[in-house]
Amino acid sequence: MIRRWKNHAEAYLFVTPSVILTVTLGIYPILWALRYMFYDYKGYGEAKFSGLYNIKRLFRDDYLWDAIGNTFVFASGKMILTLPIALLLAVLLNGKLKGKNFLRGIYFMPTIFSTAVMAVVFYLIFNSYNGLLNQILNMIGVPAVDWLNMQNAMLTCIIIAAWGGIGNYMLLFLAGLQGIPKDVYESAELDGATGARRFWSITVPMLGPVLNIVMMLAIMSALESYEAIMVLTGGGPSGATEVMHLYLYKLLFPVSTGETMAQDIGYGSAVAMLLALIVGAITGLYLYLSRKLNDIYS
């Protein structure tokens, strides 16, 4: 073992910081949550062993399951809106377009903004009473719209989330497009293929590997996203925009003024494990299905 350490000392030294970070920030918190999900612990005082009480409580918590349902609505809407627009922008900005480098920077810029700042700005735009958007509608004679009511709040959150995520996926699609040989397009053009035919017969199939990665990242991001909703609506009105990770955050850190939920570390740990299983199961199912499709078409 000493000889092996001497032969690979540099490699071990390079790996050590990553191992320490993974253990302290990844593995240890998971083990900590696994322990406390079997305890009645409110964040103060003594933790009392409660057995399977927190796990049973999961199945009786209607608010949690409503939040999980809202998460799937939010995630589906975000992906349906984000990915096609990101792909379209990537195709346009990969062509012979004047100022395309400037436009790439403009479309990518939202991804570098703080989510909290972005949500505050959009709140000023979509505010029901004196928001910028309603002021513009009033100027052109259109009645003001309550963008954050029960019917519209989720759609508003989806639009904002899509605006913030398009740039990342556009960049990934651009990288994939630039890896497609140009002579393939030239051959198809000589054969008389139209632009739409080239897109569906060449661009989309050859973007397959990149599309798989983008889809996986989009699924995970959409299921775990909650920061903009927390700032914009706080999960309201009446839980209409409550998503599962925002619900978990409120259980662990109920610091908002007027927050009605009490801190519950034990039950929050059980919720965290359930949400991790949901995200892991959906991601694993997608990877399995995408691999099967690749086997079919290869």
C-alpha atoms as a PDB file:
ATOM      1  CA  MET A   1       0.000   0.000   0.000  1.00  0.00           C
ATOM      2  CA  ILE A   2       2.900   2.378   0.744  1.00  0.00           C
ATOM      3  CA  ARG A   3       4.416   1.684  -2.691  1.00  0.00           C
ATOM      4  CA  ARG A   4       1.023   2.238  -4.339  1.00  0.00           C
ATOM      5  CA  TRP A   5       0.595   5.536  -2.458  1.00  0.00           C
ATOM      6  CA  LYS A   6       4.023   6.719  -3.589  1.00  0.00           C
ATOM      7  CA  ASN A   7       3.300   5.787  -7.206  1.00  0.00           C
ATOM      8  CA  HIS A   8      -0.055   7.576  -7.253  1.00  0.00           C
ATOM      9  CA  ALA A   9       0.498  10.297  -4.661  1.00  0.00           C
ATOM     10  CA  GLU A  10      -0.216  13.153  -7.063  1.00  0.00           C
ATOM     11  CA  ALA A  11      -3.469  11.573  -8.241  1.00  0.00           C
ATOM     12  CA  TYR A  12      -4.626  11.041  -4.646  1.00  0.00           C
ATOM     13  CA  LEU A  13      -3.792  14.648  -3.766  1.00  0.00           C
ATOM     14  CA  PHE A  14      -5.830  15.905  -6.724  1.00  0.00           C
ATOM     15  CA  VAL A  15      -8.807  13.744  -5.759  1.00  0.00           C
ATOM     16  CA  THR A  16      -8.704  14.485  -2.008  1.00  0.00           C
ATOM     17  CA  PRO A  17     -10.416  17.938  -2.081  1.00  0.00           C
ATOM     18  CA  SER A  18     -13.301  16.560  -4.167  1.00  0.00           C
ATOM     19  CA  VAL A  19     -13.680  13.580  -1.844  1.00  0.00           C
ATOM     20  CA  ILE A  20     -13.749  15.849   1.226  1.00  0.00           C
ATOM     21  CA  LEU A  21     -16.374  18.129  -0.350  1.00  0.00           C
ATOM     22  CA  THR A  22     -18.484  15.151  -1.471  1.00  0.00           C
ATOM     23  CA  VAL A  23     -18.420  13.592   2.001  1.00  0.00           C
ATOM     24  CA  THR A  24     -19.084  16.816   3.949  1.00  0.00           C
ATOM     25  CA  LEU A  25     -21.605  18.432   1.598  1.00  0.00           C
ATOM     26  CA  GLY A  26     -23.164  15.335  -0.011  1.00  0.00           C
ATOM     27  CA  ILE A  27     -22.922  12.077   1.891  1.00  0.00           C
ATOM     28  CA  TYR A  28     -23.022  13.432   5.457  1.00  0.00           C
ATOM     29  CA  PRO A  29     -26.215  15.526   4.949  1.00  0.00           C
ATOM     30  CA  ILE A  30     -27.951  12.505   3.415  1.00  0.00           C
ATOM     31  CA  LEU A  31     -27.003  10.308   6.370  1.00  0.00           C
ATOM     32  CA  TRP A  32     -28.055  13.104   8.749  1.00  0.00           C
ATOM     33  CA  ALA A  33     -31.482  13.350   7.099  1.00  0.00           C
ATOM     34  CA  LEU A  34     -31.875   9.566   7.050  1.00  0.00           C
ATOM     35  CA  ARG A  35     -31.350   9.551  10.803  1.00  0.00           C
ATOM     36  CA  TYR A  36     -33.667  12.438  11.691  1.00  0.00           C
ATOM     37  CA  MET A  37     -36.546  11.198   9.550  1.00  0.00           C
ATOM     38  CA  PHE A  38     -37.172   8.714  12.379  1.00  0.00           C
ATOM     39  CA  TYR A  39     -37.198  11.425  15.047  1.00  0.00           C
ATOM     40  CA  ASP A  40     -39.593  14.081  16.266  1.00  0.00           C
ATOM     41  CA  TYR A  41     -37.278  17.093  16.107  1.00  0.00           C
ATOM     42  CA  LYS A  42     -38.382  20.705  15.754  1.00  0.00           C
ATOM     43  CA  GLY A  43     -34.909  22.214  15.430  1.00  0.00           C
ATOM     44  CA  TYR A  44     -34.531  22.889  19.157  1.00  0.00           C
ATOM     45  CA  GLY A  45     -34.637  20.831  22.300  1.00  0.00           C
ATOM     46  CA  GLU A  46     -34.133  17.089  22.383  1.00  0.00           C
ATOM     47  CA  ALA A  47     -34.825  14.882  19.364  1.00  0.00           C
ATOM     48  CA  LYS A  48     -37.268  12.112  20.344  1.00  0.00           C
ATOM     49  CA  PHE A  49     -37.356   8.828  18.456  1.00  0.00           C
ATOM     50  CA  SER A  50     -40.745   8.467  16.705  1.00  0.00           C
ATOM     51  CA  GLY A  51     -40.251   5.363  14.571  1.00  0.00           C
ATOM     52  CA  LEU A  52     -42.203   5.373  11.319  1.00  0.00           C
ATOM     53  CA  TYR A  53     -44.509   8.246  12.301  1.00  0.00           C
ATOM     54  CA  ASN A  54     -42.965  10.749   9.838  1.00  0.00           C
ATOM     55  CA  ILE A  55     -43.119   8.231   7.003  1.00  0.00           C
ATOM     56  CA  LYS A  56     -46.795   7.494   7.694  1.00  0.00           C
ATOM     57  CA  ARG A  57     -47.447  11.214   7.859  1.00  0.00           C
ATOM     58  CA  LEU A  58     -46.206  11.562   4.260  1.00  0.00           C
ATOM     59  CA  PHE A  59     -49.193   9.619   2.950  1.00  0.00           C
ATOM     60  CA  ARG A  60     -51.688  11.708   4.963  1.00  0.00           C
ATOM     61  CA  ASP A  61     -50.261  15.097   3.971  1.00  0.00           C
ATOM     62  CA  ASP A  62     -52.610  16.369   1.250  1.00  0.00           C
ATOM     63  CA  TYR A  63     -50.725  19.664   1.034  1.00  0.00           C
ATOM     64  CA  LEU A  64     -47.530  17.776   0.143  1.00  0.00           C
ATOM     65  CA  TRP A  65     -49.216  15.797  -2.627  1.00  0.00           C
ATOM     66  CA  ASP A  66     -50.809  18.971  -3.998  1.00  0.00           C
ATOM     67  CA  ALA A  67     -47.331  20.488  -4.086  1.00  0.00           C
ATOM     68  CA  ILE A  68     -46.006  17.430  -5.942  1.00  0.00           C
ATOM     69  CA  GLY A  69     -48.841  17.748  -8.479  1.00  0.00           C
ATOM     70  CA  ASN A  70     -48.056  21.463  -8.924  1.00  0.00           C
ATOM     71  CA  THR A  71     -44.417  20.528  -9.469  1.00  0.00           C
ATOM     72  CA  PHE A  72     -45.272  18.278 -12.405  1.00  0.00           C
ATOM     73  CA  VAL A  73     -47.465  20.995 -13.926  1.00  0.00           C
ATOM     74  CA  PHE A  74     -44.704  23.567 -13.485  1.00  0.00           C
ATOM     75  CA  ALA A  75     -41.963  21.255 -14.784  1.00  0.00           C
ATOM     76  CA  SER A  76     -43.985  20.181 -17.847  1.00  0.00           C
ATOM     77  CA  GLY A  77     -44.929  23.748 -18.722  1.00  0.00           C
ATOM     78  CA  LYS A  78     -41.378  24.992 -18.299  1.00  0.00           C
ATOM     79  CA  MET A  79     -39.902  22.279 -20.518  1.00  0.00           C
ATOM     80  CA  ILE A  80     -42.600  22.631 -23.203  1.00  0.00           C
ATOM     81  CA  LEU A  81     -41.921  26.367 -23.371  1.00  0.00           C
ATOM     82  CA  THR A  82     -38.153  26.394 -22.892  1.00  0.00           C
ATOM     83  CA  LEU A  83     -36.710  23.616 -25.043  1.00  0.00           C
ATOM     84  CA  PRO A  84     -38.380  24.399 -28.414  1.00  0.00           C
ATOM     85  CA  ILE A  85     -37.541  28.119 -28.089  1.00  0.00           C
ATOM     86  CA  ALA A  86     -33.952  27.322 -27.091  1.00  0.00           C
ATOM     87  CA  LEU A  87     -33.552  24.980 -30.080  1.00  0.00           C
ATOM     88  CA  LEU A  88     -35.087  27.517 -32.477  1.00  0.00           C
ATOM     89  CA  LEU A  89     -32.797  30.296 -31.224  1.00  0.00           C
ATOM     90  CA  ALA A  90     -29.765  28.002 -31.494  1.00  0.00           C
ATOM     91  CA  VAL A  91     -30.600  27.159 -35.116  1.00  0.00           C
ATOM     92  CA  LEU A  92     -31.133  30.823 -36.011  1.00  0.00           C
ATOM     93  CA  LEU A  93     -27.966  32.003 -34.242  1.00  0.00           C
ATOM     94  CA  ASN A  94     -25.925  29.219 -35.805  1.00  0.00           C
ATOM     95  CA  GLY A  95     -26.685  30.505 -39.301  1.00  0.00           C
ATOM     96  CA  LYS A  96     -25.439  33.504 -41.232  1.00  0.00           C
ATOM     97  CA  LEU A  97     -27.048  36.211 -39.122  1.00  0.00           C
ATOM     98  CA  LYS A  98     -25.631  39.691 -38.605  1.00  0.00           C
ATOM     99  CA  GLY A  99     -24.783  40.448 -35.003  1.00  0.00           C
ATOM    100  CA  LYS A 100     -25.318  36.849 -33.940  1.00  0.00           C
ATOM    101  CA  ASN A 101     -22.534  36.975 -31.319  1.00  0.00           C
ATOM    102  CA  PHE A 102     -24.202  39.983 -29.696  1.00  0.00           C
ATOM    103  CA  LEU A 103     -27.579  38.216 -29.748  1.00  0.00           C
ATOM    104  CA  ARG A 104     -26.047  35.097 -28.220  1.00  0.00           C
ATOM    105  CA  GLY A 105     -24.818  37.204 -25.321  1.00  0.00           C
ATOM    106  CA  ILE A 106     -28.220  38.866 -24.914  1.00  0.00           C
ATOM    107  CA  TYR A 107     -30.110  35.574 -24.821  1.00  0.00           C
ATOM    108  CA  PHE A 108     -27.570  33.983 -22.471  1.00  0.00           C
ATOM    109  CA  MET A 109     -27.507  36.966 -20.079  1.00  0.00           C
ATOM    110  CA  PRO A 110     -30.594  35.952 -18.001  1.00  0.00           C
ATOM    111  CA  THR A 111     -28.776  32.821 -16.828  1.00  0.00           C
ATOM    112  CA  ILE A 112     -26.147  34.883 -14.983  1.00  0.00           C
ATOM    113  CA  PHE A 113     -28.679  36.969 -13.057  1.00  0.00           C
ATOM    114  CA  SER A 114     -29.557  36.143  -9.462  1.00  0.00           C
ATOM    115  CA  THR A 115     -32.832  34.231  -9.338  1.00  0.00           C
ATOM    116  CA  ALA A 116     -34.055  36.365  -6.448  1.00  0.00           C
ATOM    117  CA  VAL A 117     -33.296  39.616  -8.279  1.00  0.00           C
ATOM    118  CA  MET A 118     -34.930  38.289 -11.430  1.00  0.00           C
ATOM    119  CA  ALA A 119     -38.085  37.346  -9.505  1.00  0.00           C
ATOM    120  CA  VAL A 120     -38.283  40.790  -7.869  1.00  0.00           C
ATOM    121  CA  VAL A 121     -37.993  42.497 -11.268  1.00  0.00           C
ATOM    122  CA  PHE A 122     -40.733  40.296 -12.725  1.00  0.00           C
ATOM    123  CA  TYR A 123     -42.918  40.978  -9.694  1.00  0.00           C
ATOM    124  CA  LEU A 124     -42.697  44.690 -10.537  1.00  0.00           C
ATOM    125  CA  ILE A 125     -43.709  43.813 -14.103  1.00  0.00           C
ATOM    126  CA  PHE A 126     -46.579  41.431 -13.290  1.00  0.00           C
ATOM    127  CA  ASN A 127     -47.900  43.174 -10.182  1.00  0.00           C
ATOM    128  CA  SER A 128     -51.686  43.154 -10.431  1.00  0.00           C
ATOM    129  CA  TYR A 129     -52.242  46.748  -9.279  1.00  0.00           C
ATOM    130  CA  ASN A 130     -49.381  48.924 -10.497  1.00  0.00           C
ATOM    131  CA  GLY A 131     -47.231  46.511 -12.495  1.00  0.00           C
ATOM    132  CA  LEU A 132     -45.548  47.696 -15.682  1.00  0.00           C
ATOM    133  CA  LEU A 133     -47.399  45.206 -17.880  1.00  0.00           C
ATOM    134  CA  ASN A 134     -50.836  46.287 -16.648  1.00  0.00           C
ATOM    135  CA  GLN A 135     -49.882  49.940 -17.077  1.00  0.00           C
ATOM    136  CA  ILE A 136     -49.040  49.233 -20.719  1.00  0.00           C
ATOM    137  CA  LEU A 137     -52.336  47.360 -21.173  1.00  0.00           C
ATOM    138  CA  ASN A 138     -54.250  50.302 -19.689  1.00  0.00           C
ATOM    139  CA  MET A 139     -52.496  52.692 -22.073  1.00  0.00           C
ATOM    140  CA  ILE A 140     -53.772  50.761 -25.093  1.00  0.00           C
ATOM    141  CA  GLY A 141     -57.272  50.347 -23.662  1.00  0.00           C
ATOM    142  CA  VAL A 142     -57.008  46.721 -22.510  1.00  0.00           C
ATOM    143  CA  PRO A 143     -58.349  45.908 -19.009  1.00  0.00           C
ATOM    144  CA  ALA A 144     -55.747  45.048 -16.395  1.00  0.00           C
ATOM    145  CA  VAL A 145     -55.126  41.365 -15.716  1.00  0.00           C
ATOM    146  CA  ASP A 146     -54.512  39.831 -12.301  1.00  0.00           C
ATOM    147  CA  TRP A 147     -51.383  37.891 -13.281  1.00  0.00           C
ATOM    148  CA  LEU A 148     -50.856  36.414  -9.805  1.00  0.00           C
ATOM    149  CA  ASN A 149     -54.335  35.118  -8.990  1.00  0.00           C
ATOM    150  CA  MET A 150     -55.367  31.455  -8.661  1.00  0.00           C
ATOM    151  CA  GLN A 151     -55.882  31.002 -12.407  1.00  0.00           C
ATOM    152  CA  ASN A 152     -52.807  32.848 -13.748  1.00  0.00           C
ATOM    153  CA  ALA A 153     -50.104  32.549 -11.086  1.00  0.00           C
ATOM    154  CA  MET A 154     -48.716  29.187 -12.260  1.00  0.00           C
ATOM    155  CA  LEU A 155     -48.576  30.313 -15.896  1.00  0.00           C
ATOM    156  CA  THR A 156     -46.764  33.491 -14.844  1.00  0.00           C
ATOM    157  CA  CYS A 157     -44.212  31.463 -12.879  1.00  0.00           C
ATOM    158  CA  ILE A 158     -43.669  29.133 -15.852  1.00  0.00           C
ATOM    159  CA  ILE A 159     -43.047  32.083 -18.200  1.00  0.00           C
ATOM    160  CA  ILE A 160     -40.509  33.600 -15.817  1.00  0.00           C
ATOM    161  CA  ALA A 161     -38.730  30.271 -15.283  1.00  0.00           C
ATOM    162  CA  ALA A 162     -38.583  29.667 -19.036  1.00  0.00           C
ATOM    163  CA  TRP A 163     -37.130  33.152 -19.627  1.00  0.00           C
ATOM    164  CA  GLY A 164     -34.365  32.405 -17.145  1.00  0.00           C
ATOM    165  CA  GLY A 165     -33.505  28.968 -18.539  1.00  0.00           C
ATOM    166  CA  ILE A 166     -33.583  29.412 -22.315  1.00  0.00           C
ATOM    167  CA  GLY A 167     -30.011  30.739 -22.526  1.00  0.00           C
ATOM    168  CA  ASN A 168     -28.379  27.672 -20.957  1.00  0.00           C
ATOM    169  CA  TYR A 169     -30.089  25.192 -23.256  1.00  0.00           C
ATOM    170  CA  MET A 170     -29.553  27.437 -26.289  1.00  0.00           C
ATOM    171  CA  LEU A 171     -25.805  27.335 -25.586  1.00  0.00           C
ATOM    172  CA  LEU A 172     -25.813  23.532 -25.368  1.00  0.00           C
ATOM    173  CA  PHE A 173     -27.799  23.240 -28.595  1.00  0.00           C
ATOM    174  CA  LEU A 174     -25.355  25.651 -30.279  1.00  0.00           C
ATOM    175  CA  ALA A 175     -22.437  23.456 -29.247  1.00  0.00           C
ATOM    176  CA  GLY A 176     -24.218  20.436 -30.726  1.00  0.00           C
ATOM    177  CA  LEU A 177     -25.067  22.242 -33.961  1.00  0.00           C
ATOM    178  CA  GLN A 178     -21.476  23.342 -34.466  1.00  0.00           C
ATOM    179  CA  GLY A 179     -20.387  19.715 -34.208  1.00  0.00           C
ATOM    180  CA  ILE A 180     -22.513  18.676 -37.222  1.00  0.00           C
ATOM    181  CA  PRO A 181     -20.369  18.568 -40.408  1.00  0.00           C
ATOM    182  CA  LYS A 182     -21.374  21.242 -42.923  1.00  0.00           C
ATOM    183  CA  ASP A 183     -20.863  18.921 -45.877  1.00  0.00           C
ATOM    184  CA  VAL A 184     -23.894  16.920 -44.699  1.00  0.00           C
ATOM    185  CA  TYR A 185     -26.089  20.002 -45.173  1.00  0.00           C
ATOM    186  CA  GLU A 186     -24.427  20.809 -48.490  1.00  0.00           C
ATOM    187  CA  SER A 187     -25.113  17.311 -49.806  1.00  0.00           C
ATOM    188  CA  ALA A 188     -28.744  17.513 -48.710  1.00  0.00           C
ATOM    189  CA  GLU A 189     -29.105  20.928 -50.344  1.00  0.00           C
ATOM    190  CA  LEU A 190     -27.708  19.578 -53.613  1.00  0.00           C
ATOM    191  CA  ASP A 191     -30.298  16.793 -53.430  1.00  0.00           C
ATOM    192  CA  GLY A 192     -33.020  19.449 -53.226  1.00  0.00           C
ATOM    193  CA  ALA A 193     -33.892  19.126 -49.536  1.00  0.00           C
ATOM    194  CA  THR A 194     -35.720  22.171 -48.171  1.00  0.00           C
ATOM    195  CA  GLY A 195     -34.762  23.939 -44.959  1.00  0.00           C
ATOM    196  CA  ALA A 196     -37.500  22.201 -42.980  1.00  0.00           C
ATOM    197  CA  ARG A 197     -36.520  18.812 -44.389  1.00  0.00           C
ATOM    198  CA  ARG A 198     -32.865  19.401 -43.507  1.00  0.00           C
ATOM    199  CA  PHE A 199     -33.882  20.365 -39.985  1.00  0.00           C
ATOM    200  CA  TRP A 200     -35.992  17.255 -39.327  1.00  0.00           C
ATOM    201  CA  SER A 201     -33.837  14.770 -41.279  1.00  0.00           C
ATOM    202  CA  ILE A 202     -30.357  16.011 -40.362  1.00  0.00           C
ATOM    203  CA  THR A 203     -30.317  18.506 -37.487  1.00  0.00           C
ATOM    204  CA  VAL A 204     -32.647  16.758 -35.046  1.00  0.00           C
ATOM    205  CA  PRO A 205     -31.232  13.196 -35.488  1.00  0.00           C
ATOM    206  CA  MET A 206     -27.618  14.371 -35.264  1.00  0.00           C
ATOM    207  CA  LEU A 207     -28.457  16.422 -32.170  1.00  0.00           C
ATOM    208  CA  GLY A 208     -29.636  13.229 -30.464  1.00  0.00           C
ATOM    209  CA  PRO A 209     -26.769  12.909 -27.921  1.00  0.00           C
ATOM    210  CA  VAL A 210     -26.935  16.604 -27.015  1.00  0.00           C
ATOM    211  CA  LEU A 211     -30.736  16.470 -26.832  1.00  0.00           C
ATOM    212  CA  ASN A 212     -30.531  13.568 -24.364  1.00  0.00           C
ATOM    213  CA  ILE A 213     -28.245  15.586 -22.088  1.00  0.00           C
ATOM    214  CA  VAL A 214     -30.364  18.733 -22.387  1.00  0.00           C
ATOM    215  CA  MET A 215     -33.563  16.819 -21.619  1.00  0.00           C
ATOM    216  CA  MET A 216     -32.034  15.217 -18.529  1.00  0.00           C
ATOM    217  CA  LEU A 217     -30.737  18.569 -17.248  1.00  0.00           C
ATOM    218  CA  ALA A 218     -34.083  20.230 -18.006  1.00  0.00           C
ATOM    219  CA  ILE A 219     -36.038  17.534 -16.127  1.00  0.00           C
ATOM    220  CA  MET A 220     -33.840  17.786 -13.039  1.00  0.00           C
ATOM    221  CA  SER A 221     -33.797  21.589 -13.088  1.00  0.00           C
ATOM    222  CA  ALA A 222     -37.560  21.901 -13.548  1.00  0.00           C
ATOM    223  CA  LEU A 223     -38.358  19.425 -10.758  1.00  0.00           C
ATOM    224  CA  GLU A 224     -35.981  21.086  -8.296  1.00  0.00           C
ATOM    225  CA  SER A 225     -36.719  24.724  -9.145  1.00  0.00           C
ATOM    226  CA  TYR A 226     -38.440  26.815  -6.484  1.00  0.00           C
ATOM    227  CA  GLU A 227     -36.414  30.015  -5.855  1.00  0.00           C
ATOM    228  CA  ALA A 228     -38.286  32.278  -8.290  1.00  0.00           C
ATOM    229  CA  ILE A 229     -41.665  31.001  -7.058  1.00  0.00           C
ATOM    230  CA  MET A 230     -40.622  31.597  -3.450  1.00  0.00           C
ATOM    231  CA  VAL A 231     -39.794  35.253  -4.150  1.00  0.00           C
ATOM    232  CA  LEU A 232     -42.663  35.906  -6.584  1.00  0.00           C
ATOM    233  CA  THR A 233     -45.647  34.240  -4.903  1.00  0.00           C
ATOM    234  CA  GLY A 234     -44.373  32.383  -1.843  1.00  0.00           C
ATOM    235  CA  GLY A 235     -46.365  29.373  -3.061  1.00  0.00           C
ATOM    236  CA  GLY A 236     -49.655  31.282  -3.109  1.00  0.00           C
ATOM    237  CA  PRO A 237     -52.308  32.208  -3.612  1.00  0.00           C
ATOM    238  CA  SER A 238     -53.810  29.411  -1.492  1.00  0.00           C
ATOM    239  CA  GLY A 239     -51.068  26.980  -2.530  1.00  0.00           C
ATOM    240  CA  ALA A 240     -51.693  27.392  -6.274  1.00  0.00           C
ATOM    241  CA  THR A 241     -47.949  27.662  -6.989  1.00  0.00           C
ATOM    242  CA  GLU A 242     -46.620  25.589  -4.086  1.00  0.00           C
ATOM    243  CA  VAL A 243     -44.018  23.173  -5.470  1.00  0.00           C
ATOM    244  CA  MET A 244     -42.447  20.303  -3.588  1.00  0.00           C
ATOM    245  CA  HIS A 245     -39.014  21.817  -2.914  1.00  0.00           C
ATOM    246  CA  LEU A 246     -40.572  25.084  -1.747  1.00  0.00           C
ATOM    247  CA  TYR A 247     -42.731  23.066   0.658  1.00  0.00           C
ATOM    248  CA  LEU A 248     -39.583  21.322   1.911  1.00  0.00           C
ATOM    249  CA  TYR A 249     -37.826  24.670   2.347  1.00  0.00           C
ATOM    250  CA  LYS A 250     -40.706  25.976   4.455  1.00  0.00           C
ATOM    251  CA  LEU A 251     -40.552  22.914   6.700  1.00  0.00           C
ATOM    252  CA  LEU A 252     -36.834  23.345   7.316  1.00  0.00           C
ATOM    253  CA  PHE A 253     -36.500  27.150   7.245  1.00  0.00           C
ATOM    254  CA  PRO A 254     -39.850  28.849   8.037  1.00  0.00           C
ATOM    255  CA  VAL A 255     -38.345  32.334   8.243  1.00  0.00           C
ATOM    256  CA  SER A 256     -40.829  34.325   6.136  1.00  0.00           C
ATOM    257  CA  THR A 257     -42.949  36.880   7.937  1.00  0.00           C
ATOM    258  CA  GLY A 258     -46.459  35.579   8.358  1.00  0.00           C
ATOM    259  CA  GLU A 259     -45.338  32.001   7.651  1.00  0.00           C
ATOM    260  CA  THR A 260     -47.885  29.614   9.164  1.00  0.00           C
ATOM    261  CA  MET A 261     -45.792  26.440   8.914  1.00  0.00           C
ATOM    262  CA  ALA A 262     -43.773  25.491  11.992  1.00  0.00           C
ATOM    263  CA  GLN A 263     -40.232  24.219  11.667  1.00  0.00           C
ATOM    264  CA  ASP A 264     -40.135  20.429  11.660  1.00  0.00           C
ATOM    265  CA  ILE A 265     -36.708  18.939  10.990  1.00  0.00           C
ATOM    266  CA  GLY A 266     -37.856  15.338  11.455  1.00  0.00           C
ATOM    267  CA  TYR A 267     -40.765  15.473   9.040  1.00  0.00           C
ATOM    268  CA  GLY A 268     -38.758  17.708   6.685  1.00  0.00           C
ATOM    269  CA  SER A 269     -36.074  15.008   6.498  1.00  0.00           C
ATOM    270  CA  ALA A 270     -38.727  12.446   5.522  1.00  0.00           C
ATOM    271  CA  VAL A 271     -40.074  14.819   2.849  1.00  0.00           C
ATOM    272  CA  ALA A 272     -36.517  15.385   1.563  1.00  0.00           C
ATOM    273  CA  MET A 273     -35.981  11.638   1.146  1.00  0.00           C
ATOM    274  CA  LEU A 274     -39.306  11.272  -0.684  1.00  0.00           C
ATOM    275  CA  LEU A 275     -38.498  14.129  -3.064  1.00  0.00           C
ATOM    276  CA  ALA A 276     -35.039  12.707  -3.734  1.00  0.00           C
ATOM    277  CA  LEU A 277     -36.651   9.385  -4.634  1.00  0.00           C
ATOM    278  CA  ILE A 278     -39.156  11.093  -6.958  1.00  0.00           C
ATOM    279  CA  VAL A 279     -36.490  13.100  -8.814  1.00  0.00           C
ATOM    280  CA  GLY A 280     -34.165  10.076  -8.988  1.00  0.00           C
ATOM    281  CA  ALA A 281     -36.936   7.786 -10.255  1.00  0.00           C
ATOM    282  CA  ILE A 282     -38.046  10.201 -12.985  1.00  0.00           C
ATOM    283  CA  THR A 283     -34.467  10.853 -14.111  1.00  0.00           C
ATOM    284  CA  GLY A 284     -33.697   7.119 -14.113  1.00  0.00           C
ATOM    285  CA  LEU A 285     -36.880   6.363 -16.079  1.00  0.00           C
ATOM    286  CA  TYR A 286     -35.947   8.982 -18.671  1.00  0.00           C
ATOM    287  CA  LEU A 287     -32.427   7.585 -19.034  1.00  0.00           C
ATOM    288  CA  TYR A 288     -33.831   4.061 -19.431  1.00  0.00           C
ATOM    289  CA  LEU A 289     -36.372   5.109 -22.072  1.00  0.00           C
ATOM    290  CA  SER A 290     -33.852   7.224 -23.979  1.00  0.00           C
ATOM    291  CA  ARG A 291     -31.416   4.311 -24.055  1.00  0.00           C
ATOM    292  CA  LYS A 292     -34.140   2.012 -25.359  1.00  0.00           C
ATOM    293  CA  LEU A 293     -35.033   4.503 -28.098  1.00  0.00           C
ATOM    294  CA  ASN A 294     -31.394   4.831 -29.078  1.00  0.00           C
ATOM    295  CA  ASP A 295     -31.136   1.040 -29.358  1.00  0.00           C
ATOM    296  CA  ILE A 296     -34.228   0.961 -31.567  1.00  0.00           C
ATOM    297  CA  TYR A 297     -33.019   3.651 -33.999  1.00  0.00           C
ATOM    298  CA  SER A 298     -29.347   2.646 -34.033  1.00  0.00           C
END
